[in-house]
Amino acid sequence: MEQVLGRVLELETKSKEIVKKATDRRDSLEAEIESRLGEMRNKYNAEAEKRIEIIRTEEKKRLEDELDAVRTTHKRQMKLLSDAADREFDNWTALIFKNVVEAEQR
């Protein structure tokens, strides 16, 4: 009887050890999973930030190029207007003078 009782106590002790090891392993795995998830999250966030910065830089460059093109077109158009004004200045002056003089004579 004492042998059976001793064996039962021994099995109970071993089963408690097995349960403790399993619990410790589960807790360890949960902590490891959380750690890995945190690392992965940080890695993906860093990669996403890098991609966003690349896109932001490319978009800024594209917009600057587009703005430069608009400025170039504007400058060219202003030059054409200025050249036209220079060419027609004498004609416009004479026409205005003529219209004013004719208006006064009426």
Protein backbone atom coordinates (compact mmCIF):
# COMPACT_ATOMS: atom_id res chain seq x y z
CA MET A 1 0.00 0.00 0.00
CA GLU A 2 2.79 2.37 0.88
CA GLN A 3 4.39 1.57 -2.45
CA VAL A 4 1.20 2.45 -4.30
CA LEU A 5 0.83 5.66 -2.30
CA GLY A 6 4.48 6.52 -2.94
CA ARG A 7 3.99 5.84 -6.64
CA VAL A 8 0.85 8.03 -6.73
CA LEU A 9 2.74 10.87 -5.00
CA GLU A 10 5.64 10.44 -7.41
CA LEU A 11 3.28 10.54 -10.42
CA GLU A 12 1.54 13.60 -9.00
CA THR A 13 4.88 15.36 -8.55
CA LYS A 14 5.93 14.45 -12.09
CA SER A 15 2.59 15.57 -13.51
CA LYS A 16 2.91 18.92 -11.69
CA GLU A 17 6.40 19.32 -13.17
CA ILE A 18 5.08 18.51 -16.64
CA VAL A 19 2.21 20.99 -16.23
CA LYS A 20 4.64 23.67 -14.95
CA LYS A 21 7.01 23.08 -17.87
CA ALA A 22 4.09 23.27 -20.31
CA THR A 23 2.80 26.47 -18.68
CA ASP A 24 6.28 28.00 -18.68
CA ARG A 25 6.75 27.02 -22.33
CA ARG A 26 3.37 28.48 -23.27
CA ASP A 27 4.21 31.75 -21.48
CA SER A 28 7.62 31.78 -23.12
CA LEU A 29 6.10 31.20 -26.56
CA GLU A 30 3.52 33.95 -26.01
CA ALA A 31 6.27 36.38 -25.06
CA GLU A 32 8.36 35.30 -28.05
CA ILE A 33 5.38 35.71 -30.39
CA GLU A 34 4.69 39.20 -29.02
CA SER A 35 8.36 40.08 -29.41
CA ARG A 36 8.46 38.83 -33.00
CA LEU A 37 5.21 40.61 -33.83
CA GLY A 38 6.66 43.82 -32.43
CA GLU A 39 9.81 43.40 -34.50
CA MET A 40 7.79 42.65 -37.63
CA ARG A 41 5.50 45.61 -36.98
CA ASN A 42 8.50 47.92 -36.55
CA LYS A 43 10.15 46.53 -39.68
CA TYR A 44 7.01 46.97 -41.79
CA ASN A 45 6.40 50.46 -40.40
CA ALA A 46 9.97 51.47 -41.19
CA GLU A 47 9.64 50.06 -44.71
CA ALA A 48 6.31 51.84 -45.18
CA GLU A 49 7.84 55.13 -44.00
CA LYS A 50 10.72 54.64 -46.42
CA ARG A 51 8.29 54.00 -49.30
CA ILE A 52 6.18 57.01 -48.32
CA GLU A 53 9.29 59.19 -48.30
CA ILE A 54 10.31 57.89 -51.74
CA ILE A 55 6.82 58.61 -53.10
CA ARG A 56 6.81 62.04 -51.43
CA THR A 57 10.20 62.86 -52.97
CA GLU A 58 9.14 61.65 -56.41
CA GLU A 59 5.87 63.59 -56.22
CA LYS A 60 7.69 66.74 -55.11
CA LYS A 61 10.13 66.39 -58.02
CA ARG A 62 7.27 65.83 -60.47
CA LEU A 63 5.42 68.90 -59.18
CA GLU A 64 8.58 71.02 -59.32
CA ASP A 65 9.18 69.91 -62.91
CA GLU A 66 5.57 70.71 -63.76
CA LEU A 67 5.88 74.13 -62.11
CA ASP A 68 9.11 74.80 -64.00
CA ALA A 69 7.32 73.96 -67.25
CA VAL A 70 4.47 76.35 -66.37
CA ARG A 71 6.97 79.08 -65.48
CA THR A 72 8.84 78.52 -68.75
CA THR A 73 5.60 78.75 -70.72
CA HIS A 74 4.58 81.87 -68.80
CA LYS A 75 7.95 83.50 -69.38
CA ARG A 76 7.78 82.70 -73.10
CA GLN A 77 4.24 84.10 -73.36
CA MET A 78 5.21 87.26 -71.49
CA LYS A 79 8.16 87.71 -73.86
CA LEU A 80 5.84 87.33 -76.86
CA LEU A 81 3.46 89.92 -75.39
CA SER A 82 6.32 92.28 -74.61
CA ASP A 83 7.74 91.88 -78.11
CA ALA A 84 4.29 92.50 -79.61
CA ALA A 85 3.86 95.60 -77.45
CA ASP A 86 7.29 96.86 -78.51
CA ARG A 87 6.47 96.27 -82.19
CA GLU A 88 3.04 97.86 -82.02
CA PHE A 89 3.82 100.70 -79.60
CA ASP A 90 4.12 103.38 -82.27
CA ASN A 91 0.97 102.18 -84.06
CA TRP A 92 -1.02 102.06 -80.81
CA THR A 93 0.24 105.51 -79.81
CA ALA A 94 -0.76 106.95 -83.17
CA LEU A 95 -4.16 105.24 -83.05
CA ILE A 96 -4.90 106.50 -79.54
CA PHE A 97 -3.77 110.00 -80.47
CA LYS A 98 -5.92 109.93 -83.60
CA ASN A 99 -8.98 108.71 -81.67
CA VAL A 100 -8.53 111.38 -78.98
CA VAL A 101 -8.06 114.18 -81.53
CA GLU A 102 -11.05 113.00 -83.57
CA ALA A 103 -13.17 112.78 -80.44
CA GLU A 104 -12.28 116.36 -79.50
CA GLN A 105 -13.10 117.61 -82.98
CA ARG A 106 -16.61 116.23 -82.90
